[in-house]
Amino acid sequence: MSWPSTIPYDLQIALESTQTPEEWWLAFKAWAKTHGLRLKLHWVSELARNLAETDRWRSRPHESDKWGVIKEWLELHGVDAPTRLPTTPEAPGGEFV
């Protein structure tokens, strides 16, 4: 299964709850464990470097920017997306305000 283009809702909430840029790993690790993703620790340094690059941007990166880096990394290492990833809830009536 392929990864969605938009950030999974539970990962978005986890990343938003981090206080410093370095805390992303704890949030990501807990999220990956919840979904049963099999990650190898020696892959993590590459992901950490790629995410550190986003912290050097002129404006603070949004969680969706981080998701783009994470998604690319997951696809590069052949990690399959779990079924039924939570999506962002829609407003009542299905219309975005």
PDB file of N, CA and C in Angstrom:
ATOM      1  N   MET A   1       0.847  -1.181   0.000  1.00  0.00           N
ATOM      2  CA  MET A   1       0.000   0.000   0.000  1.00  0.00           C
ATOM      3  C   MET A   1       0.891   1.242   0.000  1.00  0.00           C
ATOM      4  N   SER A   2       0.487   2.260  -0.724  1.00  0.00           N
ATOM      5  CA  SER A   2       1.292   3.476  -0.809  1.00  0.00           C
ATOM      6  C   SER A   2       0.905   4.463   0.296  1.00  0.00           C
ATOM      7  N   TRP A   3       1.818   5.346   0.599  1.00  0.00           N
ATOM      8  CA  TRP A   3       1.613   6.353   1.642  1.00  0.00           C
ATOM      9  C   TRP A   3       0.770   7.496   1.112  1.00  0.00           C
ATOM     10  N   PRO A   4      -0.110   8.057   1.937  1.00  0.00           N
ATOM     11  CA  PRO A   4      -0.933   9.186   1.491  1.00  0.00           C
ATOM     12  C   PRO A   4      -0.097  10.454   1.353  1.00  0.00           C
ATOM     13  N   SER A   5      -0.564  11.368   0.526  1.00  0.00           N
ATOM     14  CA  SER A   5       0.140  12.647   0.347  1.00  0.00           C
ATOM     15  C   SER A   5      -0.047  13.567   1.538  1.00  0.00           C
ATOM     16  N   THR A   6      -1.172  13.423   2.222  1.00  0.00           N
ATOM     17  CA  THR A   6      -1.428  14.260   3.395  1.00  0.00           C
ATOM     18  C   THR A   6      -0.997  13.519   4.652  1.00  0.00           C
ATOM     19  N   ILE A   7      -0.577  14.267   5.638  1.00  0.00           N
ATOM     20  CA  ILE A   7      -0.074  13.683   6.878  1.00  0.00           C
ATOM     21  C   ILE A   7      -1.188  12.944   7.614  1.00  0.00           C
ATOM     22  N   PRO A   8      -0.912  11.725   8.082  1.00  0.00           N
ATOM     23  CA  PRO A   8      -1.924  11.021   8.886  1.00  0.00           C
ATOM     24  C   PRO A   8      -2.266  11.849  10.131  1.00  0.00           C
ATOM     25  N   TYR A   9      -3.531  11.857  10.483  1.00  0.00           N
ATOM     26  CA  TYR A   9      -4.008  12.732  11.552  1.00  0.00           C
ATOM     27  C   TYR A   9      -3.321  12.461  12.885  1.00  0.00           C
ATOM     28  N   ASP A  10      -3.140  11.199  13.231  1.00  0.00           N
ATOM     29  CA  ASP A  10      -2.519  10.903  14.520  1.00  0.00           C
ATOM     30  C   ASP A  10      -1.048  11.318  14.564  1.00  0.00           C
ATOM     31  N   LEU A  11      -0.350  11.247  13.439  1.00  0.00           N
ATOM     32  CA  LEU A  11       1.035  11.722  13.391  1.00  0.00           C
ATOM     33  C   LEU A  11       1.075  13.245  13.470  1.00  0.00           C
ATOM     34  N   GLN A  12       0.138  13.904  12.825  1.00  0.00           N
ATOM     35  CA  GLN A  12       0.063  15.363  12.888  1.00  0.00           C
ATOM     36  C   GLN A  12      -0.112  15.824  14.335  1.00  0.00           C
ATOM     37  N   ILE A  13      -1.017  15.199  15.061  1.00  0.00           N
ATOM     38  CA  ILE A  13      -1.252  15.548  16.458  1.00  0.00           C
ATOM     39  C   ILE A  13       0.013  15.299  17.283  1.00  0.00           C
ATOM     40  N   ALA A  14       0.675  14.175  17.042  1.00  0.00           N
ATOM     41  CA  ALA A  14       1.893  13.838  17.788  1.00  0.00           C
ATOM     42  C   ALA A  14       3.005  14.854  17.520  1.00  0.00           C
ATOM     43  N   LEU A  15       3.181  15.235  16.253  1.00  0.00           N
ATOM     44  CA  LEU A  15       4.237  16.198  15.927  1.00  0.00           C
ATOM     45  C   LEU A  15       3.910  17.592  16.457  1.00  0.00           C
ATOM     46  N   GLU A  16       2.634  17.960  16.449  1.00  0.00           N
ATOM     47  CA  GLU A  16       2.249  19.270  16.974  1.00  0.00           C
ATOM     48  C   GLU A  16       2.472  19.364  18.477  1.00  0.00           C
ATOM     49  N   SER A  17       2.454  18.234  19.164  1.00  0.00           N
ATOM     50  CA  SER A  17       2.623  18.247  20.614  1.00  0.00           C
ATOM     51  C   SER A  17       4.082  18.372  21.046  1.00  0.00           C
ATOM     52  N   THR A  18       5.019  18.249  20.105  1.00  0.00           N
ATOM     53  CA  THR A  18       6.425  18.365  20.466  1.00  0.00           C
ATOM     54  C   THR A  18       6.771  19.835  20.720  1.00  0.00           C
ATOM     55  N   GLN A  19       7.666  20.043  21.680  1.00  0.00           N
ATOM     56  CA  GLN A  19       8.051  21.401  22.061  1.00  0.00           C
ATOM     57  C   GLN A  19       9.309  21.885  21.340  1.00  0.00           C
ATOM     58  N   THR A  20      10.205  20.969  21.012  1.00  0.00           N
ATOM     59  CA  THR A  20      11.456  21.336  20.347  1.00  0.00           C
ATOM     60  C   THR A  20      11.602  20.518  19.070  1.00  0.00           C
ATOM     61  N   PRO A  21      12.406  21.000  18.130  1.00  0.00           N
ATOM     62  CA  PRO A  21      12.600  20.242  16.885  1.00  0.00           C
ATOM     63  C   PRO A  21      13.201  18.853  17.110  1.00  0.00           C
ATOM     64  N   GLU A  22      13.950  18.678  18.197  1.00  0.00           N
ATOM     65  CA  GLU A  22      14.595  17.398  18.463  1.00  0.00           C
ATOM     66  C   GLU A  22      13.622  16.332  18.967  1.00  0.00           C
ATOM     67  N   GLU A  23      12.458  16.728  19.443  1.00  0.00           N
ATOM     68  CA  GLU A  23      11.498  15.772  20.005  1.00  0.00           C
ATOM     69  C   GLU A  23      10.718  15.008  18.947  1.00  0.00           C
ATOM     70  N   TRP A  24      10.906  15.318  17.678  1.00  0.00           N
ATOM     71  CA  TRP A  24      10.152  14.654  16.627  1.00  0.00           C
ATOM     72  C   TRP A  24      10.356  13.141  16.683  1.00  0.00           C
ATOM     73  N   TRP A  25      11.569  12.693  17.067  1.00  0.00           N
ATOM     74  CA  TRP A  25      11.868  11.269  17.039  1.00  0.00           C
ATOM     75  C   TRP A  25      10.975  10.487  18.003  1.00  0.00           C
ATOM     76  N   LEU A  26      10.763  11.024  19.204  1.00  0.00           N
ATOM     77  CA  LEU A  26       9.922  10.336  20.178  1.00  0.00           C
ATOM     78  C   LEU A  26       8.490  10.204  19.668  1.00  0.00           C
ATOM     79  N   ALA A  27       7.986  11.285  19.079  1.00  0.00           N
ATOM     80  CA  ALA A  27       6.625  11.256  18.535  1.00  0.00           C
ATOM     81  C   ALA A  27       6.531  10.285  17.358  1.00  0.00           C
ATOM     82  N   PHE A  28       7.501  10.330  16.472  1.00  0.00           N
ATOM     83  CA  PHE A  28       7.497   9.449  15.300  1.00  0.00           C
ATOM     84  C   PHE A  28       7.652   7.993  15.707  1.00  0.00           C
ATOM     85  N   LYS A  29       8.529   7.719  16.659  1.00  0.00           N
ATOM     86  CA  LYS A  29       8.762   6.346  17.112  1.00  0.00           C
ATOM     87  C   LYS A  29       7.497   5.749  17.737  1.00  0.00           C
ATOM     88  N   ALA A  30       6.818   6.528  18.570  1.00  0.00           N
ATOM     89  CA  ALA A  30       5.580   6.055  19.180  1.00  0.00           C
ATOM     90  C   ALA A  30       4.514   5.813  18.110  1.00  0.00           C
ATOM     91  N   TRP A  31       4.431   6.721  17.139  1.00  0.00           N
ATOM     92  CA  TRP A  31       3.458   6.576  16.055  1.00  0.00           C
ATOM     93  C   TRP A  31       3.749   5.319  15.235  1.00  0.00           C
ATOM     94  N   ALA A  32       5.024   5.104  14.898  1.00  0.00           N
ATOM     95  CA  ALA A  32       5.411   3.935  14.101  1.00  0.00           C
ATOM     96  C   ALA A  32       5.102   2.643  14.852  1.00  0.00           C
ATOM     97  N   LYS A  33       5.350   2.633  16.155  1.00  0.00           N
ATOM     98  CA  LYS A  33       5.072   1.441  16.954  1.00  0.00           C
ATOM     99  C   LYS A  33       3.575   1.158  17.008  1.00  0.00           C
ATOM    100  N   THR A  34       2.774   2.212  17.134  1.00  0.00           N
ATOM    101  CA  THR A  34       1.322   2.055  17.167  1.00  0.00           C
ATOM    102  C   THR A  34       0.804   1.374  15.897  1.00  0.00           C
ATOM    103  N   HIS A  35       1.402   1.709  14.756  1.00  0.00           N
ATOM    104  CA  HIS A  35       0.961   1.160  13.472  1.00  0.00           C
ATOM    105  C   HIS A  35       1.739  -0.084  13.050  1.00  0.00           C
ATOM    106  N   GLY A  36       2.643  -0.547  13.907  1.00  0.00           N
ATOM    107  CA  GLY A  36       3.375  -1.776  13.612  1.00  0.00           C
ATOM    108  C   GLY A  36       4.381  -1.658  12.484  1.00  0.00           C
ATOM    109  N   LEU A  37       4.938  -0.472  12.284  1.00  0.00           N
ATOM    110  CA  LEU A  37       5.928  -0.295  11.227  1.00  0.00           C
ATOM    111  C   LEU A  37       7.260  -0.886  11.669  1.00  0.00           C
ATOM    112  N   ARG A  38       7.913  -1.550  10.762  1.00  0.00           N
ATOM    113  CA  ARG A  38       9.212  -2.149  11.069  1.00  0.00           C
ATOM    114  C   ARG A  38      10.294  -1.249  10.498  1.00  0.00           C
ATOM    115  N   LEU A  39      10.967  -0.535  11.392  1.00  0.00           N
ATOM    116  CA  LEU A  39      12.018   0.394  10.998  1.00  0.00           C
ATOM    117  C   LEU A  39      13.356  -0.090  11.540  1.00  0.00           C
ATOM    118  N   LYS A  40      14.399   0.179  10.805  1.00  0.00           N
ATOM    119  CA  LYS A  40      15.744  -0.185  11.261  1.00  0.00           C
ATOM    120  C   LYS A  40      16.418   1.066  11.818  1.00  0.00           C
ATOM    121  N   LEU A  41      17.053   0.902  12.971  1.00  0.00           N
ATOM    122  CA  LEU A  41      17.645   2.054  13.652  1.00  0.00           C
ATOM    123  C   LEU A  41      18.712   2.758  12.826  1.00  0.00           C
ATOM    124  N   HIS A  42      19.458   2.032  12.018  1.00  0.00           N
ATOM    125  CA  HIS A  42      20.510   2.693  11.249  1.00  0.00           C
ATOM    126  C   HIS A  42      19.946   3.574  10.123  1.00  0.00           C
ATOM    127  N   TRP A  43      18.655   3.475   9.860  1.00  0.00           N
ATOM    128  CA  TRP A  43      18.023   4.370   8.886  1.00  0.00           C
ATOM    129  C   TRP A  43      17.759   5.750   9.480  1.00  0.00           C
ATOM    130  N   VAL A  44      17.639   5.807  10.789  1.00  0.00           N
ATOM    131  CA  VAL A  44      17.145   7.003  11.462  1.00  0.00           C
ATOM    132  C   VAL A  44      18.067   8.205  11.293  1.00  0.00           C
ATOM    133  N   SER A  45      19.373   7.988  11.262  1.00  0.00           N
ATOM    134  CA  SER A  45      20.292   9.122  11.142  1.00  0.00           C
ATOM    135  C   SER A  45      20.060   9.891   9.845  1.00  0.00           C
ATOM    136  N   GLU A  46      19.747   9.167   8.778  1.00  0.00           N
ATOM    137  CA  GLU A  46      19.456   9.821   7.497  1.00  0.00           C
ATOM    138  C   GLU A  46      18.182  10.670   7.608  1.00  0.00           C
ATOM    139  N   LEU A  47      17.160  10.124   8.235  1.00  0.00           N
ATOM    140  CA  LEU A  47      15.916  10.865   8.416  1.00  0.00           C
ATOM    141  C   LEU A  47      16.146  12.082   9.305  1.00  0.00           C
ATOM    142  N   ALA A  48      16.939  11.926  10.347  1.00  0.00           N
ATOM    143  CA  ALA A  48      17.241  13.052  11.249  1.00  0.00           C
ATOM    144  C   ALA A  48      17.950  14.169  10.498  1.00  0.00           C
ATOM    145  N   ARG A  49      18.880  13.827   9.630  1.00  0.00           N
ATOM    146  CA  ARG A  49      19.584  14.854   8.831  1.00  0.00           C
ATOM    147  C   ARG A  49      18.621  15.568   7.890  1.00  0.00           C
ATOM    148  N   ASN A  50      17.746  14.798   7.245  1.00  0.00           N
ATOM    149  CA  ASN A  50      16.795  15.397   6.314  1.00  0.00           C
ATOM    150  C   ASN A  50      15.817  16.330   7.033  1.00  0.00           C
ATOM    151  N   LEU A  51      15.356  15.929   8.208  1.00  0.00           N
ATOM    152  CA  LEU A  51      14.440  16.789   8.972  1.00  0.00           C
ATOM    153  C   LEU A  51      15.162  18.000   9.541  1.00  0.00           C
ATOM    154  N   ALA A  52      16.443  17.852   9.877  1.00  0.00           N
ATOM    155  CA  ALA A  52      17.219  18.992  10.372  1.00  0.00           C
ATOM    156  C   ALA A  52      17.351  20.063   9.292  1.00  0.00           C
ATOM    157  N   GLU A  53      17.394  19.636   8.046  1.00  0.00           N
ATOM    158  CA  GLU A  53      17.447  20.601   6.942  1.00  0.00           C
ATOM    159  C   GLU A  53      16.202  21.482   6.917  1.00  0.00           C
ATOM    160  N   THR A  54      15.042  20.914   7.233  1.00  0.00           N
ATOM    161  CA  THR A  54      13.818  21.722   7.228  1.00  0.00           C
ATOM    162  C   THR A  54      13.839  22.753   8.350  1.00  0.00           C
ATOM    163  N   ASP A  55      14.538  22.457   9.449  1.00  0.00           N
ATOM    164  CA  ASP A  55      14.636  23.411  10.558  1.00  0.00           C
ATOM    165  C   ASP A  55      15.518  24.605  10.208  1.00  0.00           C
ATOM    166  N   ARG A  56      16.270  24.512   9.135  1.00  0.00           N
ATOM    167  CA  ARG A  56      17.125  25.619   8.694  1.00  0.00           C
ATOM    168  C   ARG A  56      16.404  26.576   7.747  1.00  0.00           C
ATOM    169  N   TRP A  57      15.170  26.239   7.396  1.00  0.00           N
ATOM    170  CA  TRP A  57      14.411  27.109   6.503  1.00  0.00           C
ATOM    171  C   TRP A  57      14.182  28.461   7.157  1.00  0.00           C
ATOM    172  N   ARG A  58      13.928  29.448   6.332  1.00  0.00           N
ATOM    173  CA  ARG A  58      13.677  30.801   6.834  1.00  0.00           C
ATOM    174  C   ARG A  58      12.468  30.834   7.760  1.00  0.00           C
ATOM    175  N   SER A  59      11.393  30.186   7.351  1.00  0.00           N
ATOM    176  CA  SER A  59      10.214  30.110   8.212  1.00  0.00           C
ATOM    177  C   SER A  59      10.140  28.699   8.815  1.00  0.00           C
ATOM    178  N   ARG A  60       9.555  28.608   9.994  1.00  0.00           N
ATOM    179  CA  ARG A  60       9.463  27.328  10.700  1.00  0.00           C
ATOM    180  C   ARG A  60       8.660  26.335   9.859  1.00  0.00           C
ATOM    181  N   PRO A  61       9.180  25.106   9.691  1.00  0.00           N
ATOM    182  CA  PRO A  61       8.443  24.127   8.879  1.00  0.00           C
ATOM    183  C   PRO A  61       7.170  23.677   9.576  1.00  0.00           C
ATOM    184  N   HIS A  62       6.152  23.462   8.791  1.00  0.00           N
ATOM    185  CA  HIS A  62       4.868  22.956   9.289  1.00  0.00           C
ATOM    186  C   HIS A  62       4.960  21.429   9.359  1.00  0.00           C
ATOM    187  N   GLU A  63       4.047  20.812  10.079  1.00  0.00           N
ATOM    188  CA  GLU A  63       4.062  19.362  10.198  1.00  0.00           C
ATOM    189  C   GLU A  63       3.908  18.687   8.839  1.00  0.00           C
ATOM    190  N   SER A  64       3.175  19.317   7.920  1.00  0.00           N
ATOM    191  CA  SER A  64       3.022  18.723   6.588  1.00  0.00           C
ATOM    192  C   SER A  64       4.349  18.746   5.818  1.00  0.00           C
ATOM    193  N   ASP A  65       5.194  19.736   6.086  1.00  0.00           N
ATOM    194  CA  ASP A  65       6.525  19.761   5.481  1.00  0.00           C
ATOM    195  C   ASP A  65       7.360  18.594   5.996  1.00  0.00           C
ATOM    196  N   LYS A  66       7.272  18.369   7.296  1.00  0.00           N
ATOM    197  CA  LYS A  66       7.993  17.242   7.889  1.00  0.00           C
ATOM    198  C   LYS A  66       7.451  15.924   7.338  1.00  0.00           C
ATOM    199  N   TRP A  67       6.138  15.854   7.142  1.00  0.00           N
ATOM    200  CA  TRP A  67       5.546  14.644   6.591  1.00  0.00           C
ATOM    201  C   TRP A  67       6.100  14.344   5.204  1.00  0.00           C
ATOM    202  N   GLY A  68       6.288  15.365   4.390  1.00  0.00           N
ATOM    203  CA  GLY A  68       6.850  15.151   3.059  1.00  0.00           C
ATOM    204  C   GLY A  68       8.214  14.481   3.130  1.00  0.00           C
ATOM    205  N   VAL A  69       9.036  14.909   4.070  1.00  0.00           N
ATOM    206  CA  VAL A  69      10.368  14.316   4.252  1.00  0.00           C
ATOM    207  C   VAL A  69      10.239  12.887   4.772  1.00  0.00           C
ATOM    208  N   ILE A  70       9.367  12.686   5.754  1.00  0.00           N
ATOM    209  CA  ILE A  70       9.177  11.355   6.337  1.00  0.00           C
ATOM    210  C   ILE A  70       8.615  10.398   5.297  1.00  0.00           C
ATOM    211  N   LYS A  71       7.628  10.851   4.521  1.00  0.00           N
ATOM    212  CA  LYS A  71       7.005  10.007   3.490  1.00  0.00           C
ATOM    213  C   LYS A  71       8.039   9.568   2.455  1.00  0.00           C
ATOM    214  N   GLU A  72       8.852  10.499   2.005  1.00  0.00           N
ATOM    215  CA  GLU A  72       9.887  10.183   1.029  1.00  0.00           C
ATOM    216  C   GLU A  72      10.869   9.158   1.604  1.00  0.00           C
ATOM    217  N   TRP A  73      11.222   9.318   2.868  1.00  0.00           N
ATOM    218  CA  TRP A  73      12.148   8.415   3.541  1.00  0.00           C
ATOM    219  C   TRP A  73      11.540   7.020   3.677  1.00  0.00           C
ATOM    220  N   LEU A  74      10.265   6.953   4.070  1.00  0.00           N
ATOM    221  CA  LEU A  74       9.595   5.653   4.199  1.00  0.00           C
ATOM    222  C   LEU A  74       9.537   4.924   2.860  1.00  0.00           C
ATOM    223  N   GLU A  75       9.216   5.654   1.813  1.00  0.00           N
ATOM    224  CA  GLU A  75       9.140   5.054   0.479  1.00  0.00           C
ATOM    225  C   GLU A  75      10.513   4.598  -0.001  1.00  0.00           C
ATOM    226  N   LEU A  76      11.550   5.382   0.296  1.00  0.00           N
ATOM    227  CA  LEU A  76      12.912   5.043  -0.109  1.00  0.00           C
ATOM    228  C   LEU A  76      13.354   3.720   0.510  1.00  0.00           C
ATOM    229  N   HIS A  77      12.943   3.481   1.748  1.00  0.00           N
ATOM    230  CA  HIS A  77      13.344   2.268   2.452  1.00  0.00           C
ATOM    231  C   HIS A  77      12.333   1.132   2.329  1.00  0.00           C
ATOM    232  N   GLY A  78      11.332   1.308   1.494  1.00  0.00           N
ATOM    233  CA  GLY A  78      10.386   0.236   1.207  1.00  0.00           C
ATOM    234  C   GLY A  78       9.467  -0.134   2.357  1.00  0.00           C
ATOM    235  N   VAL A  79       9.165   0.834   3.223  1.00  0.00           N
ATOM    236  CA  VAL A  79       8.237   0.581   4.328  1.00  0.00           C
ATOM    237  C   VAL A  79       6.824   0.766   3.796  1.00  0.00           C
ATOM    238  N   ASP A  80       6.034  -0.292   3.872  1.00  0.00           N
ATOM    239  CA  ASP A  80       4.658  -0.238   3.378  1.00  0.00           C
ATOM    240  C   ASP A  80       3.759   0.501   4.362  1.00  0.00           C
ATOM    241  N   ALA A  81       2.818   1.224   3.824  1.00  0.00           N
ATOM    242  CA  ALA A  81       1.851   1.951   4.655  1.00  0.00           C
ATOM    243  C   ALA A  81       0.864   0.970   5.260  1.00  0.00           C
ATOM    244  N   PRO A  82       0.538   1.157   6.539  1.00  0.00           N
ATOM    245  CA  PRO A  82      -0.473   0.293   7.140  1.00  0.00           C
ATOM    246  C   PRO A  82      -1.851   0.627   6.580  1.00  0.00           C
ATOM    247  N   THR A  83      -2.748  -0.302   6.694  1.00  0.00           N
ATOM    248  CA  THR A  83      -4.112  -0.046   6.238  1.00  0.00           C
ATOM    249  C   THR A  83      -4.817   0.857   7.247  1.00  0.00           C
ATOM    250  N   ARG A  84      -5.727   1.642   6.736  1.00  0.00           N
ATOM    251  CA  ARG A  84      -6.589   2.501   7.563  1.00  0.00           C
ATOM    252  C   ARG A  84      -5.840   3.513   8.417  1.00  0.00           C
ATOM    253  N   LEU A  85      -4.998   4.308   7.801  1.00  0.00           N
ATOM    254  CA  LEU A  85      -4.375   5.410   8.531  1.00  0.00           C
ATOM    255  C   LEU A  85      -5.430   6.467   8.812  1.00  0.00           C
ATOM    256  N   PRO A  86      -5.434   7.035  10.017  1.00  0.00           N
ATOM    257  CA  PRO A  86      -6.438   8.057  10.326  1.00  0.00           C
ATOM    258  C   PRO A  86      -6.225   9.314   9.481  1.00  0.00           C
ATOM    259  N   THR A  87      -7.311   9.856   8.983  1.00  0.00           N
ATOM    260  CA  THR A  87      -7.240  11.074   8.183  1.00  0.00           C
ATOM    261  C   THR A  87      -7.802  12.241   8.992  1.00  0.00           C
ATOM    262  N   THR A  88      -7.541  13.433   8.517  1.00  0.00           N
ATOM    263  CA  THR A  88      -8.031  14.630   9.191  1.00  0.00           C
ATOM    264  C   THR A  88      -9.548  14.646   9.159  1.00  0.00           C
ATOM    265  N   PRO A  89     -10.179  14.866  10.319  1.00  0.00           N
ATOM    266  CA  PRO A  89     -11.650  14.900  10.326  1.00  0.00           C
ATOM    267  C   PRO A  89     -12.179  16.084   9.537  1.00  0.00           C
ATOM    268  N   GLU A  90     -13.276  15.877   8.869  1.00  0.00           N
ATOM    269  CA  GLU A  90     -13.908  16.961   8.103  1.00  0.00           C
ATOM    270  C   GLU A  90     -14.915  17.702   8.958  1.00  0.00           C
ATOM    271  N   ALA A  91     -15.190  18.897   8.553  1.00  0.00           N
ATOM    272  CA  ALA A  91     -16.202  19.693   9.234  1.00  0.00           C
ATOM    273  C   ALA A  91     -17.576  19.051   9.003  1.00  0.00           C
ATOM    274  N   PRO A  92     -18.549  19.311   9.863  1.00  0.00           N
ATOM    275  CA  PRO A  92     -19.896  18.743   9.668  1.00  0.00           C
ATOM    276  C   PRO A  92     -20.437  19.073   8.270  1.00  0.00           C
ATOM    277  N   GLY A  93     -21.016  18.117   7.630  1.00  0.00           N
ATOM    278  CA  GLY A  93     -21.553  18.315   6.288  1.00  0.00           C
ATOM    279  C   GLY A  93     -20.516  18.092   5.211  1.00  0.00           C
ATOM    280  N   GLY A  94     -19.283  17.787   5.603  1.00  0.00           N
ATOM    281  CA  GLY A  94     -18.240  17.512   4.633  1.00  0.00           C
ATOM    282  C   GLY A  94     -17.667  18.739   3.946  1.00  0.00           C
ATOM    283  N   GLU A  95     -17.999  19.911   4.413  1.00  0.00           N
ATOM    284  CA  GLU A  95     -17.494  21.133   3.798  1.00  0.00           C
ATOM    285  C   GLU A  95     -16.395  21.747   4.662  1.00  0.00           C
ATOM    286  N   PHE A  96     -15.343  22.175   4.023  1.00  0.00           N
ATOM    287  CA  PHE A  96     -14.274  22.844   4.747  1.00  0.00           C
ATOM    288  C   PHE A  96     -14.596  24.321   4.862  1.00  0.00           C
ATOM    289  N   VAL A  97     -14.332  24.890   5.997  1.00  0.00           N
ATOM    290  CA  VAL A  97     -14.651  26.300   6.234  1.00  0.00           C
ATOM    291  C   VAL A  97     -13.432  27.140   6.002  1.00  0.00           C
TER     292      VAL A  97
END
